[in-house]
C-alpha atoms as a PDB file:
ATOM      1  CA  ILE A   1      16.978  40.697 -48.549  1.00  0.00           C
ATOM      2  CA  VAL A   2      14.384  40.421 -45.777  1.00  0.00           C
ATOM      3  CA  VAL A   3      11.869  42.684 -47.516  1.00  0.00           C
ATOM      4  CA  LEU A   4      12.127  40.733 -50.774  1.00  0.00           C
ATOM      5  CA  GLY A   5      11.871  37.467 -48.868  1.00  0.00           C
ATOM      6  CA  ILE A   6       8.572  38.656 -47.380  1.00  0.00           C
ATOM      7  CA  ILE A   7       7.333  39.886 -50.770  1.00  0.00           C
ATOM      8  CA  PHE A   8       8.065  36.469 -52.333  1.00  0.00           C
ATOM      9  CA  ARG A   9       5.900  34.852 -49.656  1.00  0.00           C
ATOM     10  CA  VAL A  10       3.065  37.363 -49.947  1.00  0.00           C
ATOM     11  CA  LEU A  11       2.935  36.785 -53.710  1.00  0.00           C
ATOM     12  CA  MET A  12       2.422  33.068 -53.033  1.00  0.00           C
ATOM     13  CA  LEU A  13      -0.532  33.568 -50.658  1.00  0.00           C
ATOM     14  CA  PRO A  14      -3.227  33.264 -53.382  1.00  0.00           C
ATOM     15  CA  SER A  15      -1.446  30.420 -55.215  1.00  0.00           C
ATOM     16  CA  VAL A  16      -2.951  26.965 -55.768  1.00  0.00           C
ATOM     17  CA  PRO A  17      -1.213  24.213 -53.725  1.00  0.00           C
ATOM     18  CA  ILE A  18       0.712  21.719 -55.868  1.00  0.00           C
ATOM     19  CA  HIS A  19       0.029  18.021 -55.177  1.00  0.00           C
ATOM     20  CA  GLU A  20      -0.693  18.527 -51.464  1.00  0.00           C
ATOM     21  CA  ASN A  21      -3.636  17.758 -49.205  1.00  0.00           C
ATOM     22  CA  ASP A  22      -2.223  17.869 -45.660  1.00  0.00           C
ATOM     23  CA  TYR A  23      -3.861  21.230 -45.037  1.00  0.00           C
ATOM     24  CA  TYR A  24      -7.321  19.646 -45.267  1.00  0.00           C
ATOM     25  CA  ARG A  25      -6.479  17.669 -42.137  1.00  0.00           C
ATOM     26  CA  TYR A  26      -5.122  20.825 -40.488  1.00  0.00           C
ATOM     27  CA  LEU A  27      -8.403  22.610 -41.192  1.00  0.00           C
ATOM     28  CA  TRP A  28     -10.466  19.631 -40.025  1.00  0.00           C
ATOM     29  CA  ASP A  29      -8.496  19.321 -36.790  1.00  0.00           C
ATOM     30  CA  GLY A  30      -9.017  23.033 -36.202  1.00  0.00           C
ATOM     31  CA  LYS A  31     -12.777  22.664 -36.712  1.00  0.00           C
ATOM     32  CA  ALA A  32     -12.831  19.701 -34.320  1.00  0.00           C
ATOM     33  CA  MET A  33     -10.916  21.632 -31.661  1.00  0.00           C
ATOM     34  CA  LYS A  34     -13.215  24.630 -32.049  1.00  0.00           C
ATOM     35  CA  ALA A  35     -16.206  22.317 -31.566  1.00  0.00           C
ATOM     36  CA  GLY A  36     -14.642  20.972 -28.362  1.00  0.00           C
ATOM     37  CA  VAL A  37     -13.757  17.574 -29.832  1.00  0.00           C
ATOM     38  CA  ASN A  38     -10.420  15.832 -29.255  1.00  0.00           C
ATOM     39  CA  PRO A  39      -8.960  15.071 -32.727  1.00  0.00           C
ATOM     40  CA  PHE A  40      -6.656  12.427 -31.195  1.00  0.00           C
ATOM     41  CA  LEU A  41      -9.628  10.254 -30.234  1.00  0.00           C
ATOM     42  CA  LEU A  42     -11.959  10.302 -33.225  1.00  0.00           C
ATOM     43  CA  GLU A  43     -10.864   9.844 -36.822  1.00  0.00           C
ATOM     44  CA  PRO A  44     -12.752  11.599 -39.667  1.00  0.00           C
ATOM     45  CA  ALA A  45     -14.072   8.261 -40.944  1.00  0.00           C
ATOM     46  CA  ALA A  46     -15.851   7.755 -37.605  1.00  0.00           C
ATOM     47  CA  VAL A  47     -18.149  10.650 -38.505  1.00  0.00           C
ATOM     48  CA  TYR A  48     -19.288   8.852 -41.656  1.00  0.00           C
ATOM     49  CA  MET A  49     -19.775   5.547 -39.810  1.00  0.00           C
ATOM     50  CA  PHE A  50     -21.733   7.215 -36.981  1.00  0.00           C
ATOM     51  CA  GLU A  51     -23.882   9.426 -39.203  1.00  0.00           C
ATOM     52  CA  ASN A  52     -24.965   6.493 -41.365  1.00  0.00           C
ATOM     53  CA  ASP A  53     -25.222   4.007 -38.459  1.00  0.00           C
ATOM     54  CA  ILE A  54     -22.957   1.521 -40.235  1.00  0.00           C
ATOM     55  CA  GLN A  55     -22.348  -1.645 -38.205  1.00  0.00           C
ATOM     56  CA  ALA A  56     -19.734  -3.340 -40.422  1.00  0.00           C
ATOM     57  CA  ASP A  57     -16.317  -2.312 -41.695  1.00  0.00           C
ATOM     58  CA  VAL A  58     -16.357  -0.301 -44.930  1.00  0.00           C
ATOM     59  CA  THR A  59     -13.618  -0.099 -47.577  1.00  0.00           C
ATOM     60  CA  ASP A  60     -13.153   3.270 -49.256  1.00  0.00           C
ATOM     61  CA  PRO A  61     -13.348   2.544 -53.006  1.00  0.00           C
ATOM     62  CA  HIS A  62     -10.962   5.404 -53.836  1.00  0.00           C
ATOM     63  CA  SER A  63      -8.139   4.859 -51.328  1.00  0.00           C
ATOM     64  CA  GLY A  64      -8.688   1.253 -50.285  1.00  0.00           C
ATOM     65  CA  ALA A  65      -8.644   2.345 -46.629  1.00  0.00           C
ATOM     66  CA  VAL A  66     -10.831   0.403 -44.208  1.00  0.00           C
ATOM     67  CA  TYR A  67     -13.240   2.367 -42.014  1.00  0.00           C
ATOM     68  CA  LYS A  68     -13.683   0.414 -38.776  1.00  0.00           C
ATOM     69  CA  ALA A  69     -17.158  -0.075 -37.328  1.00  0.00           C
ATOM     70  CA  ARG A  70     -17.571   0.028 -33.561  1.00  0.00           C
ATOM     71  CA  ASN A  71     -20.028   0.827 -30.801  1.00  0.00           C
ATOM     72  CA  TRP A  72     -20.004   4.381 -29.489  1.00  0.00           C
ATOM     73  CA  ASN A  73     -20.348   5.293 -25.837  1.00  0.00           C
ATOM     74  CA  ALA A  74     -22.415   8.312 -24.752  1.00  0.00           C
ATOM     75  CA  SER A  75     -19.430  10.675 -24.659  1.00  0.00           C
ATOM     76  CA  GLU A  76     -18.243   9.640 -28.131  1.00  0.00           C
ATOM     77  CA  SER A  77     -21.759   9.947 -29.546  1.00  0.00           C
ATOM     78  CA  ALA A  78     -22.056  13.506 -28.226  1.00  0.00           C
ATOM     79  CA  GLN A  79     -18.730  14.441 -29.817  1.00  0.00           C
ATOM     80  CA  LEU A  80     -19.587  12.723 -33.083  1.00  0.00           C
ATOM     81  CA  GLU A  81     -22.842  14.672 -33.320  1.00  0.00           C
ATOM     82  CA  LYS A  82     -20.781  17.871 -33.159  1.00  0.00           C
ATOM     83  CA  LEU A  83     -18.450  16.558 -35.862  1.00  0.00           C
ATOM     84  CA  VAL A  84     -21.393  15.664 -38.102  1.00  0.00           C
ATOM     85  CA  ASP A  85     -22.411  19.327 -37.937  1.00  0.00           C
ATOM     86  CA  GLN A  86     -18.852  20.364 -38.790  1.00  0.00           C
ATOM     87  CA  LYS A  87     -18.778  17.916 -41.714  1.00  0.00           C
ATOM     88  CA  ASN A  88     -22.075  19.193 -43.097  1.00  0.00           C
ATOM     89  CA  GLU A  89     -20.824  22.782 -42.853  1.00  0.00           C
ATOM     90  CA  ASN A  90     -18.096  21.999 -45.384  1.00  0.00           C
ATOM     91  CA  MET A  91     -18.594  18.641 -47.059  1.00  0.00           C
ATOM     92  CA  LEU A  92     -15.831  19.271 -49.609  1.00  0.00           C
ATOM     93  CA  LEU A  93     -13.279  19.758 -46.813  1.00  0.00           C
ATOM     94  CA  TRP A  94     -14.202  16.444 -45.186  1.00  0.00           C
ATOM     95  CA  GLU A  95     -14.160  14.601 -48.519  1.00  0.00           C
ATOM     96  CA  ARG A  96     -10.613  15.778 -49.279  1.00  0.00           C
ATOM     97  CA  ILE A  97      -9.042  14.737 -45.975  1.00  0.00           C
ATOM     98  CA  GLY A  98      -6.329  12.129 -46.501  1.00  0.00           C
ATOM     99  CA  HIS A  99      -6.177   8.950 -44.385  1.00  0.00           C
ATOM    100  CA  LYS A 100      -9.627   9.409 -42.877  1.00  0.00           C
ATOM    101  CA  GLN A 101      -9.318   6.055 -41.149  1.00  0.00           C
ATOM    102  CA  ILE A 102      -6.784   7.283 -38.565  1.00  0.00           C
ATOM    103  CA  PRO A 103      -6.973  10.004 -35.890  1.00  0.00           C
ATOM    104  CA  THR A 104      -4.701  13.013 -36.250  1.00  0.00           C
ATOM    105  CA  ILE A 105      -0.932  12.554 -36.040  1.00  0.00           C
ATOM    106  CA  TYR A 106      -0.158  16.223 -35.389  1.00  0.00           C
ATOM    107  CA  PRO A 107       1.100  17.159 -31.890  1.00  0.00           C
ATOM    108  CA  PRO A 108      -0.696  19.370 -29.331  1.00  0.00           C
ATOM    109  CA  PHE A 109       0.792  22.782 -30.128  1.00  0.00           C
ATOM    110  CA  ALA A 110       0.140  22.208 -33.817  1.00  0.00           C
ATOM    111  CA  GLN A 111      -3.489  21.595 -32.869  1.00  0.00           C
ATOM    112  CA  LEU A 112      -3.573  24.981 -31.118  1.00  0.00           C
ATOM    113  CA  VAL A 113      -2.323  26.621 -34.312  1.00  0.00           C
ATOM    114  CA  PHE A 114      -4.998  24.837 -36.351  1.00  0.00           C
ATOM    115  CA  ALA A 115      -7.669  25.825 -33.825  1.00  0.00           C
ATOM    116  CA  ALA A 116      -6.487  29.447 -33.920  1.00  0.00           C
ATOM    117  CA  SER A 117      -6.796  29.397 -37.702  1.00  0.00           C
ATOM    118  CA  SER A 118     -10.316  27.989 -37.422  1.00  0.00           C
ATOM    119  CA  TYR A 119     -11.373  30.637 -34.904  1.00  0.00           C
ATOM    120  CA  LEU A 120      -9.842  33.485 -36.913  1.00  0.00           C
ATOM    121  CA  PHE A 121     -10.453  32.384 -40.491  1.00  0.00           C
ATOM    122  CA  GLU A 122     -12.980  29.505 -40.410  1.00  0.00           C
ATOM    123  CA  ASP A 123     -12.096  27.029 -43.220  1.00  0.00           C
ATOM    124  CA  SER A 124      -9.929  29.442 -45.189  1.00  0.00           C
ATOM    125  CA  ILE A 125      -6.694  28.076 -46.634  1.00  0.00           C
ATOM    126  CA  PHE A 126      -5.697  31.689 -47.250  1.00  0.00           C
ATOM    127  CA  GLY A 127      -6.215  32.442 -43.561  1.00  0.00           C
ATOM    128  CA  LEU A 128      -4.135  29.440 -42.501  1.00  0.00           C
ATOM    129  CA  ARG A 129      -1.388  30.630 -44.839  1.00  0.00           C
ATOM    130  CA  ILE A 130      -1.386  34.056 -43.163  1.00  0.00           C
ATOM    131  CA  LEU A 131      -0.925  32.409 -39.767  1.00  0.00           C
ATOM    132  CA  LEU A 132       1.956  30.271 -41.047  1.00  0.00           C
ATOM    133  CA  LEU A 133       3.440  33.316 -42.759  1.00  0.00           C
ATOM    134  CA  VAL A 134       3.764  34.987 -39.348  1.00  0.00           C
ATOM    135  CA  PHE A 135       5.861  32.065 -38.077  1.00  0.00           C
ATOM    136  CA  ASP A 136       7.861  31.916 -41.316  1.00  0.00           C
ATOM    137  CA  VAL A 137       8.737  35.615 -41.170  1.00  0.00           C
ATOM    138  CA  GLY A 138       9.591  35.058 -37.514  1.00  0.00           C
ATOM    139  CA  CYS A 139      12.063  32.387 -38.665  1.00  0.00           C
ATOM    140  CA  ILE A 140      13.711  34.936 -40.960  1.00  0.00           C
ATOM    141  CA  GLY A 141      14.036  37.321 -38.023  1.00  0.00           C
ATOM    142  CA  LEU A 142      15.535  34.618 -35.802  1.00  0.00           C
ATOM    143  CA  CYS A 143      18.002  33.585 -38.512  1.00  0.00           C
ATOM    144  CA  LEU A 144      19.106  37.215 -38.661  1.00  0.00           C
ATOM    145  CA  ALA A 145      19.389  37.353 -34.864  1.00  0.00           C
ATOM    146  CA  LEU A 146      21.506  34.175 -34.854  1.00  0.00           C
ATOM    147  CA  LEU A 147      23.878  35.589 -37.439  1.00  0.00           C
ATOM    148  CA  ILE A 148      24.308  38.736 -35.351  1.00  0.00           C
ATOM    149  CA  LEU A 149      24.848  36.740 -32.150  1.00  0.00           C
ATOM    150  CA  LEU A 150      27.454  34.596 -33.910  1.00  0.00           C
ATOM    151  CA  LYS A 151      29.086  37.680 -35.457  1.00  0.00           C
ATOM    152  CA  ARG A 152      28.520  36.396 -38.969  1.00  0.00           C
ATOM    153  CA  LYS A 153      27.548  38.414 -42.030  1.00  0.00           C
ATOM    154  CA  PRO A 154      23.831  39.290 -41.697  1.00  0.00           C
ATOM    155  CA  ASN A 155      23.311  38.961 -45.452  1.00  0.00           C
ATOM    156  CA  LEU A 156      23.667  35.182 -45.049  1.00  0.00           C
ATOM    157  CA  VAL A 157      20.000  35.290 -44.014  1.00  0.00           C
ATOM    158  CA  ILE A 158      19.379  35.024 -47.763  1.00  0.00           C
ATOM    159  CA  VAL A 159      19.924  31.240 -47.466  1.00  0.00           C
ATOM    160  CA  TYR A 160      16.595  30.947 -45.610  1.00  0.00           C
ATOM    161  CA  ALA A 161      14.761  34.083 -46.752  1.00  0.00           C
ATOM    162  CA  TRP A 162      15.099  33.360 -50.473  1.00  0.00           C
ATOM    163  CA  SER A 163      15.021  29.550 -50.397  1.00  0.00           C
ATOM    164  CA  PRO A 164      12.541  28.410 -53.084  1.00  0.00           C
ATOM    165  CA  LEU A 165      11.962  25.133 -51.217  1.00  0.00           C
ATOM    166  CA  ILE A 166      10.901  26.896 -48.017  1.00  0.00           C
ATOM    167  CA  ILE A 167       8.688  29.384 -49.844  1.00  0.00           C
ATOM    168  CA  VAL A 168       6.941  26.637 -51.825  1.00  0.00           C
ATOM    169  CA  GLU A 169       6.577  24.134 -48.975  1.00  0.00           C
ATOM    170  CA  ILE A 170       5.242  26.595 -46.409  1.00  0.00           C
ATOM    171  CA  THR A 171       3.400  29.290 -48.354  1.00  0.00           C
ATOM    172  CA  ASN A 172       2.260  27.308 -51.389  1.00  0.00           C
ATOM    173  CA  SER A 173       1.922  23.778 -50.003  1.00  0.00           C
ATOM    174  CA  VAL A 174       0.688  25.040 -46.607  1.00  0.00           C
ATOM    175  CA  HIS A 175       2.941  22.812 -44.513  1.00  0.00           C
ATOM    176  CA  TYR A 176       3.153  24.031 -40.942  1.00  0.00           C
ATOM    177  CA  ASP A 177       6.864  23.264 -40.426  1.00  0.00           C
ATOM    178  CA  ALA A 178       7.574  26.974 -39.896  1.00  0.00           C
ATOM    179  CA  VAL A 179       6.037  26.556 -36.416  1.00  0.00           C
ATOM    180  CA  PRO A 180       8.492  23.964 -34.993  1.00  0.00           C
ATOM    181  CA  VAL A 181      11.410  25.571 -36.877  1.00  0.00           C
ATOM    182  CA  PHE A 182      10.537  28.922 -35.271  1.00  0.00           C
ATOM    183  CA  PHE A 183      10.781  27.421 -31.784  1.00  0.00           C
ATOM    184  CA  MET A 184      13.962  25.497 -32.636  1.00  0.00           C
ATOM    185  CA  LEU A 185      15.649  28.698 -33.826  1.00  0.00           C
ATOM    186  CA  LEU A 186      14.393  30.533 -30.746  1.00  0.00           C
ATOM    187  CA  SER A 187      15.818  27.823 -28.498  1.00  0.00           C
ATOM    188  CA  ILE A 188      19.219  28.096 -30.222  1.00  0.00           C
ATOM    189  CA  CYS A 189      19.184  31.884 -29.723  1.00  0.00           C
ATOM    190  CA  PHE A 190      18.541  31.375 -26.001  1.00  0.00           C
ATOM    191  CA  ALA A 191      21.206  28.663 -25.780  1.00  0.00           C
ATOM    192  CA  ILE A 192      23.862  30.913 -27.346  1.00  0.00           C
ATOM    193  CA  GLN A 193      23.046  33.508 -24.688  1.00  0.00           C
ATOM    194  CA  ALA A 194      23.401  30.844 -21.952  1.00  0.00           C
ATOM    195  CA  LYS A 195      19.701  31.012 -21.099  1.00  0.00           C
ATOM    196  CA  GLY A 196      19.382  27.280 -20.602  1.00  0.00           C
ATOM    197  CA  TRP A 197      15.889  27.033 -19.154  1.00  0.00           C
ATOM    198  CA  LEU A 198      14.441  29.337 -21.799  1.00  0.00           C
ATOM    199  CA  ALA A 199      16.249  27.333 -24.485  1.00  0.00           C
ATOM    200  CA  MET A 200      14.745  24.072 -23.221  1.00  0.00           C
ATOM    201  CA  ALA A 201      11.290  25.635 -22.848  1.00  0.00           C
ATOM    202  CA  ALA A 202      11.375  26.956 -26.423  1.00  0.00           C
ATOM    203  CA  ASN A 203      12.557  23.591 -27.712  1.00  0.00           C
ATOM    204  CA  ALA A 204       9.791  21.863 -25.755  1.00  0.00           C
ATOM    205  CA  LEU A 205       7.293  23.995 -27.677  1.00  0.00           C
ATOM    206  CA  GLY A 206       9.065  22.895 -30.841  1.00  0.00           C
ATOM    207  CA  ILE A 207       8.702  19.235 -29.864  1.00  0.00           C
ATOM    208  CA  VAL A 208       4.969  19.568 -29.165  1.00  0.00           C
ATOM    209  CA  SER A 209       4.645  21.273 -32.553  1.00  0.00           C
ATOM    210  CA  LYS A 210       6.492  18.559 -34.486  1.00  0.00           C
ATOM    211  CA  TYR A 211       8.571  15.798 -33.012  1.00  0.00           C
ATOM    212  CA  PHE A 212      11.746  16.364 -35.060  1.00  0.00           C
ATOM    213  CA  ALA A 213      12.547  19.279 -32.736  1.00  0.00           C
ATOM    214  CA  GLY A 214      13.520  16.574 -30.240  1.00  0.00           C
ATOM    215  CA  LEU A 215      16.798  16.229 -32.167  1.00  0.00           C
ATOM    216  CA  LEU A 216      18.035  19.283 -30.245  1.00  0.00           C
ATOM    217  CA  VAL A 217      17.501  17.699 -26.818  1.00  0.00           C
ATOM    218  CA  PRO A 218      21.009  16.124 -26.627  1.00  0.00           C
ATOM    219  CA  VAL A 219      22.489  19.542 -27.460  1.00  0.00           C
ATOM    220  CA  PHE A 220      20.793  21.237 -24.503  1.00  0.00           C
ATOM    221  CA  ALA A 221      21.051  18.231 -22.170  1.00  0.00           C
ATOM    222  CA  PRO A 222      24.131  16.090 -22.903  1.00  0.00           C
ATOM    223  CA  PRO A 223      23.800  12.374 -22.003  1.00  0.00           C
ATOM    224  CA  ASN A 224      25.760  12.738 -18.747  1.00  0.00           C
ATOM    225  CA  GLN A 225      23.218  15.327 -17.579  1.00  0.00           C
ATOM    226  CA  LEU A 226      20.024  13.446 -18.466  1.00  0.00           C
END
């Protein structure tokens, strides 16, 4: 079951994403991090406004989004010059970013994953998929570990390993949800073994990967203990 689950994912590595563009932001954030720029402070549209010295708000004719004009301080200008270089390296990537008018919404650990992808694979979607595949296969392993810890039938791992939705959303659509799910599963494994601090630490990594991991906080710290 596990081997076939991995094979299904590997076969999807060269596939064309279906109706998705989130990964363009992932790749852009990774490039920004690699250049030493904080993606939480400067939105992609700011690069266009700075590069063209535009002093008034601009409306994107395709999306209807408004790019805000503003004055840049010395620190912002230095960072924007780096981002201009990154934009010119791969113009198509910048053009395909969704919601250019807002800074990134992805939490800090997610940014580290994107930066790692940029360092290892540059602007490669295939490379990013390989990185996410590692976390996804890790999720399969943790599901198997949970079943063993709970003395359940190990073959129930098929529910995750062969799920078409998971395979499509992570490997084809290049969503990074395998990262927070990996840490959530790891935290549950630690909790079952009564390793409370490790469980909370793993879940904290899940939260700073994607905020929905915070749903486990009441499980590890009931209200009367908060």
